[in-house]
């Protein structure tokens, strides 16, 4: 996800150039490679080692990061880049590919959005003091899918298909943003009562930027596409066209959500300056939330247009790219030292496997 958002930012940088375009293409190709590689590794892991999938879902923290969530989020960044890069180069069949992948992404995202919060309610033993912003992770997947839907709709030649995509994307946005707001209220309550999270998970304070940034971009982009598609499909006809209304409504809501994101950005920056924290895989939590907030910033710059937001979006983009480089180098270094990958759910799995083997041995001895 972090690599994917970097390719998108480089592709849409306000002050762009041909050399940046080709760098974004290289990062996009690298992201596709990573996505396929880790998908195959995950598939092999859950297939060869029986019980790990269930044990992982029951873990209160790891289930939020590794369950179904990472697949649709990573896939969404690839879908977006297919629309930005492949469709102009390869034509309609690439748009069909993006649309097909988007439907897969939307279904998985919706299942993720509904099932994992229910797992938190039904399986996990939760305390308010132990809550982190990671509770937002399953929810944000539908928000990202909605934003991706608006991009896919922009490259579809069939206007009826574009209309379906826009309508479904609005629904996906509705399943994600209100629920994310509810979690943010709970998380704010947790921060005020129990103070900022411990240093091991302090990076999670940036996660609220994810639903706010992508929700802001998504509703603005959906309004823009609705203004284009609704008149062509005779949707919501009347004396006043619904498309421009949705466009203005989307921009206003997007601007408000961007402003709310600024509050959480301040909280995040203030929190990390108060404590030293070790490098771990959680550092990837810097890149994607800041990246999608940056996408919302550059979108505002295009729609106003505004020199302030254009410069600010460029600054944010450079910061995200630099963070991605730093975290990538740190990950490679710690991987070489075999210190980076931790799977806390494996302790429970190993315990269960030992008990199962013990029962089998006892049964064999009795026979």
Protein backbone atom coordinates (compact mmCIF):
# COMPACT_ATOMS: atom_id res chain seq x y z
CA UNK A 1 0.00 0.00 0.00
CA UNK A 2 2.79 2.39 0.84
CA UNK A 3 4.59 1.61 -2.42
CA UNK A 4 1.34 1.94 -4.37
CA UNK A 5 0.47 5.35 -2.97
CA UNK A 6 3.98 6.59 -3.80
CA UNK A 7 3.49 5.62 -7.46
CA UNK A 8 0.14 7.47 -7.48
CA UNK A 9 1.64 10.60 -5.91
CA UNK A 10 4.51 10.67 -8.40
CA UNK A 11 2.01 10.22 -11.23
CA UNK A 12 -0.17 13.14 -10.08
CA UNK A 13 2.42 15.48 -8.61
CA UNK A 14 1.25 19.09 -9.15
CA UNK A 15 4.66 20.12 -10.50
CA UNK A 16 5.35 17.15 -12.73
CA UNK A 17 7.63 16.11 -15.58
CA UNK A 18 8.37 13.26 -17.96
CA UNK A 19 11.11 11.88 -15.73
CA UNK A 20 8.72 11.72 -12.77
CA UNK A 21 6.18 9.92 -14.94
CA UNK A 22 8.67 7.17 -15.73
CA UNK A 23 9.74 6.89 -12.10
CA UNK A 24 6.08 6.41 -11.18
CA UNK A 25 5.80 3.67 -13.81
CA UNK A 26 8.84 1.87 -12.36
CA UNK A 27 7.43 2.12 -8.82
CA UNK A 28 4.06 0.88 -10.17
CA UNK A 29 5.71 -2.16 -11.74
CA UNK A 30 7.60 -2.83 -8.52
CA UNK A 31 4.34 -2.58 -6.59
CA UNK A 32 2.67 -5.14 -8.86
CA UNK A 33 5.61 -7.48 -8.27
CA UNK A 34 5.37 -7.06 -4.48
CA UNK A 35 1.60 -7.56 -4.55
CA UNK A 36 1.83 -10.83 -6.49
CA UNK A 37 4.79 -12.08 -4.43
CA UNK A 38 3.21 -11.50 -1.03
CA UNK A 39 -0.18 -12.76 -2.20
CA UNK A 40 1.43 -16.04 -3.20
CA UNK A 41 3.40 -16.22 0.06
CA UNK A 42 0.22 -15.60 2.08
CA UNK A 43 -1.71 -18.18 0.09
CA UNK A 44 1.02 -20.75 0.68
CA UNK A 45 1.18 -19.91 4.38
CA UNK A 46 -2.53 -20.32 5.03
CA UNK A 47 -2.75 -23.42 2.83
CA UNK A 48 0.25 -25.34 4.14
CA UNK A 49 -0.14 -24.50 7.83
CA UNK A 50 -3.64 -25.45 8.88
CA UNK A 51 -5.23 -23.30 11.54
CA UNK A 52 -3.07 -20.17 11.15
CA UNK A 53 -5.86 -18.30 9.35
CA UNK A 54 -8.35 -18.85 12.20
CA UNK A 55 -5.76 -18.11 14.86
CA UNK A 56 -4.78 -14.90 13.09
CA UNK A 57 -8.42 -13.74 12.88
CA UNK A 58 -8.80 -14.32 16.63
CA UNK A 59 -5.75 -12.20 17.44
CA UNK A 60 -6.91 -8.72 18.58
CA UNK A 61 -4.19 -6.80 16.72
CA UNK A 62 -2.78 -8.91 13.91
CA UNK A 63 -6.23 -9.64 12.46
CA UNK A 64 -6.66 -5.92 11.77
CA UNK A 65 -3.42 -5.73 9.78
CA UNK A 66 -3.12 -9.07 8.02
CA UNK A 67 -6.65 -10.40 7.57
CA UNK A 68 -8.51 -9.45 4.41
CA UNK A 69 -7.63 -5.81 4.64
CA UNK A 70 -4.21 -5.65 3.02
CA UNK A 71 -5.29 -7.43 -0.15
CA UNK A 72 -8.00 -4.97 -1.31
CA UNK A 73 -6.01 -1.94 -0.21
CA UNK A 74 -2.95 -3.02 -2.15
CA UNK A 75 -5.08 -4.01 -5.13
CA UNK A 76 -6.78 -0.59 -5.14
CA UNK A 77 -3.47 1.21 -5.69
CA UNK A 78 -2.77 -1.08 -8.65
CA UNK A 79 -6.23 -0.45 -10.12
CA UNK A 80 -5.71 3.30 -9.90
CA UNK A 81 -2.37 3.12 -11.68
CA UNK A 82 -3.85 0.91 -14.40
CA UNK A 83 -6.31 3.76 -15.05
CA UNK A 84 -3.60 6.42 -14.98
CA UNK A 85 -0.90 4.60 -16.98
CA UNK A 86 -2.20 1.53 -18.80
CA UNK A 87 -5.50 2.85 -20.16
CA UNK A 88 -3.92 5.80 -22.04
CA UNK A 89 -1.20 3.50 -23.38
CA UNK A 90 -3.15 0.32 -24.15
CA UNK A 91 -6.72 1.42 -24.72
CA UNK A 92 -10.19 0.07 -23.78
CA UNK A 93 -9.14 -3.44 -22.79
CA UNK A 94 -7.04 -2.00 -19.94
CA UNK A 95 -10.13 -0.09 -18.76
CA UNK A 96 -12.08 -3.37 -18.77
CA UNK A 97 -9.28 -4.99 -16.77
CA UNK A 98 -9.40 -2.16 -14.22
CA UNK A 99 -13.21 -2.42 -13.98
CA UNK A 100 -13.06 -6.19 -13.44
CA UNK A 101 -10.39 -5.89 -10.75
CA UNK A 102 -12.40 -3.10 -9.12
CA UNK A 103 -15.45 -5.34 -8.72
CA UNK A 104 -13.28 -7.97 -7.05
CA UNK A 105 -11.77 -5.29 -4.82
CA UNK A 106 -15.21 -3.88 -3.92
CA UNK A 107 -16.61 -7.27 -2.88
CA UNK A 108 -13.60 -8.14 -0.72
CA UNK A 109 -13.54 -4.64 0.79
CA UNK A 110 -17.21 -4.82 1.74
CA UNK A 111 -16.74 -8.25 3.34
CA UNK A 112 -13.73 -6.87 5.18
CA UNK A 113 -15.64 -3.80 6.35
CA UNK A 114 -18.50 -5.83 7.78
CA UNK A 115 -16.87 -9.03 9.02
CA UNK A 116 -13.74 -7.84 10.84
CA UNK A 117 -15.57 -5.26 13.02
CA UNK A 118 -17.96 -8.08 13.95
CA UNK A 119 -14.94 -10.23 14.86
CA UNK A 120 -13.82 -7.41 17.19
CA UNK A 121 -17.27 -7.48 18.82
CA UNK A 122 -17.71 -11.24 19.04
CA UNK A 123 -14.26 -12.81 19.47
CA UNK A 124 -11.85 -10.27 20.93
CA UNK A 125 -11.67 -9.27 24.57
CA UNK A 126 -11.33 -5.50 24.38
CA UNK A 127 -10.53 -2.76 26.84
CA UNK A 128 -10.75 0.94 26.01
CA UNK A 129 -7.20 1.46 27.29
CA UNK A 130 -5.91 -1.08 24.76
CA UNK A 131 -7.71 0.40 21.76
CA UNK A 132 -5.61 1.78 18.92
CA UNK A 133 -6.43 3.45 15.62
CA UNK A 134 -5.86 0.03 14.01
CA UNK A 135 -9.60 -0.47 14.50
CA UNK A 136 -9.97 1.79 11.46
CA UNK A 137 -8.03 -0.56 9.19
CA UNK A 138 -10.87 -2.93 8.19
CA UNK A 139 -13.22 0.01 7.65
CA UNK A 140 -11.03 2.15 5.41
CA UNK A 141 -10.91 -0.54 2.72
CA UNK A 142 -14.41 0.33 1.45
CA UNK A 143 -13.53 4.04 1.45
CA UNK A 144 -10.52 3.31 -0.73
CA UNK A 145 -12.63 1.08 -2.98
CA UNK A 146 -15.13 3.93 -3.39
CA UNK A 147 -12.37 6.35 -4.35
CA UNK A 148 -10.93 3.82 -6.79
CA UNK A 149 -14.40 3.38 -8.29
CA UNK A 150 -14.54 7.07 -9.14
CA UNK A 151 -11.22 6.77 -10.97
CA UNK A 152 -12.33 3.63 -12.82
CA UNK A 153 -15.58 5.34 -13.87
CA UNK A 154 -13.56 8.12 -15.48
CA UNK A 155 -11.96 5.70 -18.00
CA UNK A 156 -15.00 3.59 -18.90
CA UNK A 157 -16.38 4.23 -22.38
CA UNK A 158 -19.74 2.59 -21.58
CA UNK A 159 -21.62 5.32 -19.72
CA UNK A 160 -24.05 2.85 -18.14
CA UNK A 161 -21.14 0.89 -16.67
CA UNK A 162 -19.69 4.16 -15.39
CA UNK A 163 -23.04 4.98 -13.77
CA UNK A 164 -23.21 1.62 -12.00
CA UNK A 165 -19.67 2.12 -10.76
CA UNK A 166 -20.45 5.58 -9.39
CA UNK A 167 -23.62 4.44 -7.60
CA UNK A 168 -21.88 1.44 -6.01
CA UNK A 169 -18.97 3.69 -5.01
CA UNK A 170 -21.31 6.08 -3.22
CA UNK A 171 -22.72 3.10 -1.31
CA UNK A 172 -19.22 1.87 -0.44
CA UNK A 173 -18.34 5.38 0.76
CA UNK A 174 -21.45 5.29 2.94
CA UNK A 175 -20.50 1.96 4.49
CA UNK A 176 -17.06 3.22 5.43
CA UNK A 177 -17.00 6.92 6.33
CA UNK A 178 -19.81 7.03 8.96
CA UNK A 179 -18.44 3.91 10.66
CA UNK A 180 -14.94 5.39 10.63
CA UNK A 181 -16.28 8.56 12.27
CA UNK A 182 -17.82 6.46 15.05
CA UNK A 183 -14.48 4.75 15.66
CA UNK A 184 -12.70 8.13 15.67
CA UNK A 185 -15.04 9.32 18.44
CA UNK A 186 -14.17 6.23 20.50
CA UNK A 187 -10.46 6.67 19.75
CA UNK A 188 -10.53 10.33 20.80
CA UNK A 189 -12.22 9.26 24.03
CA UNK A 190 -9.51 6.64 24.56
CA UNK A 191 -6.73 9.21 24.02
CA UNK A 192 -8.23 11.72 26.44
CA UNK A 193 -8.78 9.13 29.17
CA UNK A 194 -5.72 6.89 28.79
CA UNK A 195 -3.24 9.23 27.05
CA UNK A 196 -1.32 8.55 23.84
CA UNK A 197 -0.50 4.92 22.83
CA UNK A 198 2.75 3.25 23.94
CA UNK A 199 5.87 3.76 21.83
CA UNK A 200 5.57 0.31 20.19
CA UNK A 201 2.35 1.36 18.41
CA UNK A 202 2.73 5.14 18.46
CA UNK A 203 2.84 5.29 14.65
CA UNK A 204 -0.80 4.19 14.64
CA UNK A 205 -1.77 7.77 15.55
CA UNK A 206 -1.40 8.57 11.83
CA UNK A 207 -4.04 6.04 10.79
CA UNK A 208 -7.03 8.44 11.18
CA UNK A 209 -5.64 10.33 8.19
CA UNK A 210 -6.51 7.30 6.05
CA UNK A 211 -10.33 7.42 6.11
CA UNK A 212 -10.37 11.22 6.28
CA UNK A 213 -7.96 11.74 3.40
CA UNK A 214 -9.35 9.04 1.14
CA UNK A 215 -12.92 9.89 2.11
CA UNK A 216 -12.26 13.51 1.15
CA UNK A 217 -10.75 12.59 -2.20
CA UNK A 218 -13.40 9.96 -2.91
CA UNK A 219 -16.41 12.20 -2.39
CA UNK A 220 -14.85 14.98 -4.48
CA UNK A 221 -13.96 12.64 -7.34
CA UNK A 222 -17.36 10.95 -7.24
CA UNK A 223 -19.05 14.33 -7.53
CA UNK A 224 -16.86 15.20 -10.49
CA UNK A 225 -17.76 11.96 -12.28
CA UNK A 226 -21.45 12.27 -11.38
CA UNK A 227 -21.51 15.70 -13.03
CA UNK A 228 -20.13 14.12 -16.21
CA UNK A 229 -22.08 10.84 -16.29
CA UNK A 230 -25.54 11.66 -14.87
CA UNK A 231 -26.65 13.93 -17.74
CA UNK A 232 -25.44 11.40 -20.32
CA UNK A 233 -27.47 8.59 -18.72
CA UNK A 234 -30.56 10.67 -17.86
CA UNK A 235 -30.06 9.85 -14.18
CA UNK A 236 -32.01 11.87 -11.59
CA UNK A 237 -33.59 14.07 -14.28
CA UNK A 238 -35.30 17.30 -13.32
CA UNK A 239 -35.36 21.03 -13.85
CA UNK A 240 -31.95 21.22 -12.19
CA UNK A 241 -29.38 18.55 -13.08
CA UNK A 242 -28.28 16.42 -10.13
CA UNK A 243 -24.69 16.12 -11.38
CA UNK A 244 -23.53 19.67 -10.57
CA UNK A 245 -25.28 19.48 -7.18
CA UNK A 246 -23.37 16.31 -6.30
CA UNK A 247 -20.17 17.92 -7.53
CA UNK A 248 -20.55 20.97 -5.29
CA UNK A 249 -21.78 18.85 -2.38
CA UNK A 250 -18.81 16.51 -2.79
CA UNK A 251 -16.28 19.32 -2.84
CA UNK A 252 -17.71 20.97 0.29
CA UNK A 253 -17.81 17.69 2.22
CA UNK A 254 -14.32 16.83 0.97
CA UNK A 255 -12.97 20.19 2.13
CA UNK A 256 -14.54 19.73 5.57
CA UNK A 257 -13.07 16.23 5.89
CA UNK A 258 -9.66 17.58 4.83
CA UNK A 259 -9.90 20.18 7.59
CA UNK A 260 -10.79 17.48 10.12
CA UNK A 261 -7.76 15.56 8.88
CA UNK A 262 -5.56 18.54 9.78
CA UNK A 263 -6.64 18.13 13.41
CA UNK A 264 -5.57 14.50 13.47
CA UNK A 265 -2.35 15.33 11.64
CA UNK A 266 -1.51 17.75 14.44
CA UNK A 267 -2.36 15.14 17.09
CA UNK A 268 -0.14 12.61 15.30
CA UNK A 269 2.84 14.94 14.94
CA UNK A 270 2.52 16.12 18.54
CA UNK A 271 2.34 12.50 19.77
CA UNK A 272 5.45 11.22 18.01
CA UNK A 273 7.53 14.17 19.23
CA UNK A 274 6.83 13.21 22.83
CA UNK A 275 8.51 9.80 22.73
CA UNK A 276 11.25 7.86 21.04
CA UNK A 277 10.01 4.76 19.27
CA UNK A 278 11.88 1.80 17.73
CA UNK A 279 11.79 0.93 14.05
CA UNK A 280 9.33 -1.83 13.23
CA UNK A 281 6.84 -2.77 10.51
CA UNK A 282 4.44 -0.27 12.03
CA UNK A 283 6.50 2.49 10.41
CA UNK A 284 4.72 1.66 7.16
CA UNK A 285 1.75 3.30 8.88
CA UNK A 286 3.39 6.63 8.03
CA UNK A 287 3.18 6.24 4.27
CA UNK A 288 -0.36 5.29 3.22
CA UNK A 289 -2.38 7.58 5.56
CA UNK A 290 -0.16 10.57 4.75
CA UNK A 291 -0.27 9.58 1.09
CA UNK A 292 -4.06 9.56 0.78
CA UNK A 293 -4.28 12.83 2.72
CA UNK A 294 -1.84 14.24 0.17
CA UNK A 295 -4.04 12.97 -2.69
CA UNK A 296 -6.96 14.91 -1.18
CA UNK A 297 -4.75 17.99 -0.95
CA UNK A 298 -3.70 17.86 -4.61
CA UNK A 299 -7.32 17.25 -5.64
CA UNK A 300 -8.43 20.41 -3.86
CA UNK A 301 -5.61 22.24 -5.66
CA UNK A 302 -7.00 21.09 -9.02
CA UNK A 303 -10.63 21.91 -8.30
CA UNK A 304 -10.26 25.42 -6.87
CA UNK A 305 -7.55 25.95 -8.41
CA UNK A 306 -5.26 27.10 -5.62
CA UNK A 307 -1.55 27.87 -5.57
CA UNK A 308 -1.52 27.30 -1.80
CA UNK A 309 -2.91 23.77 -2.04
CA UNK A 310 -0.75 23.08 -5.09
CA UNK A 311 2.45 23.94 -3.20
CA UNK A 312 1.24 22.20 -0.04
CA UNK A 313 0.36 19.06 -2.03
CA UNK A 314 3.82 19.06 -3.58
CA UNK A 315 5.49 19.39 -0.17
CA UNK A 316 3.35 16.58 1.26
CA UNK A 317 4.15 14.39 -1.77
CA UNK A 318 7.91 14.89 -1.35
CA UNK A 319 7.63 14.10 2.37
CA UNK A 320 5.73 10.86 1.67
CA UNK A 321 8.27 9.76 -0.97
CA UNK A 322 11.16 10.45 1.41
CA UNK A 323 9.39 8.56 4.20
CA UNK A 324 8.85 5.63 1.83
CA UNK A 325 12.58 5.58 1.01
CA UNK A 326 13.56 5.70 4.70
CA UNK A 327 11.11 2.98 5.72
CA UNK A 328 12.07 0.80 2.74
CA UNK A 329 15.75 1.00 3.63
CA UNK A 330 14.97 0.28 7.28
CA UNK A 331 12.83 -2.71 6.31
CA UNK A 332 15.52 -4.17 4.05
CA UNK A 333 18.18 -3.66 6.72
CA UNK A 334 16.13 -5.26 9.49
CA UNK A 335 15.07 -8.09 7.17
CA UNK A 336 18.73 -8.88 6.48
CA UNK A 337 19.29 -8.96 10.26
CA UNK A 338 16.14 -11.10 10.74
CA UNK A 339 14.69 -8.68 13.28
CA UNK A 340 11.70 -7.15 11.49
CA UNK A 341 9.03 -9.84 11.02
CA UNK A 342 6.95 -10.69 14.07
CA UNK A 343 3.82 -12.87 14.08
CA UNK A 344 2.36 -12.79 17.62
CA UNK A 345 -0.52 -15.06 16.64
CA UNK A 346 1.93 -17.92 15.99
CA UNK A 347 2.40 -18.48 19.73
CA UNK A 348 -1.25 -19.43 20.07
CA UNK A 349 -1.10 -21.50 16.89
CA UNK A 350 1.98 -23.40 18.07
CA UNK A 351 0.31 -24.01 21.42
CA UNK A 352 -2.80 -25.36 19.70
CA UNK A 353 -0.73 -27.54 17.38
CA UNK A 354 1.21 -28.98 20.33
CA UNK A 355 -2.05 -29.82 22.11
CA UNK A 356 -3.47 -31.41 18.95
CA UNK A 357 -0.37 -33.54 18.44
CA UNK A 358 -0.41 -34.52 22.10
CA UNK A 359 -3.99 -35.77 21.78
CA UNK A 360 -3.07 -37.71 18.63
CA UNK A 361 -0.09 -39.30 20.44
CA UNK A 362 -2.27 -40.24 23.42
CA UNK A 363 -4.84 -41.75 21.06
CA UNK A 364 -2.17 -43.78 19.33
CA UNK A 365 -0.78 -44.97 22.64
CA UNK A 366 -4.21 -46.06 23.81
CA UNK A 367 -4.68 -48.08 20.63
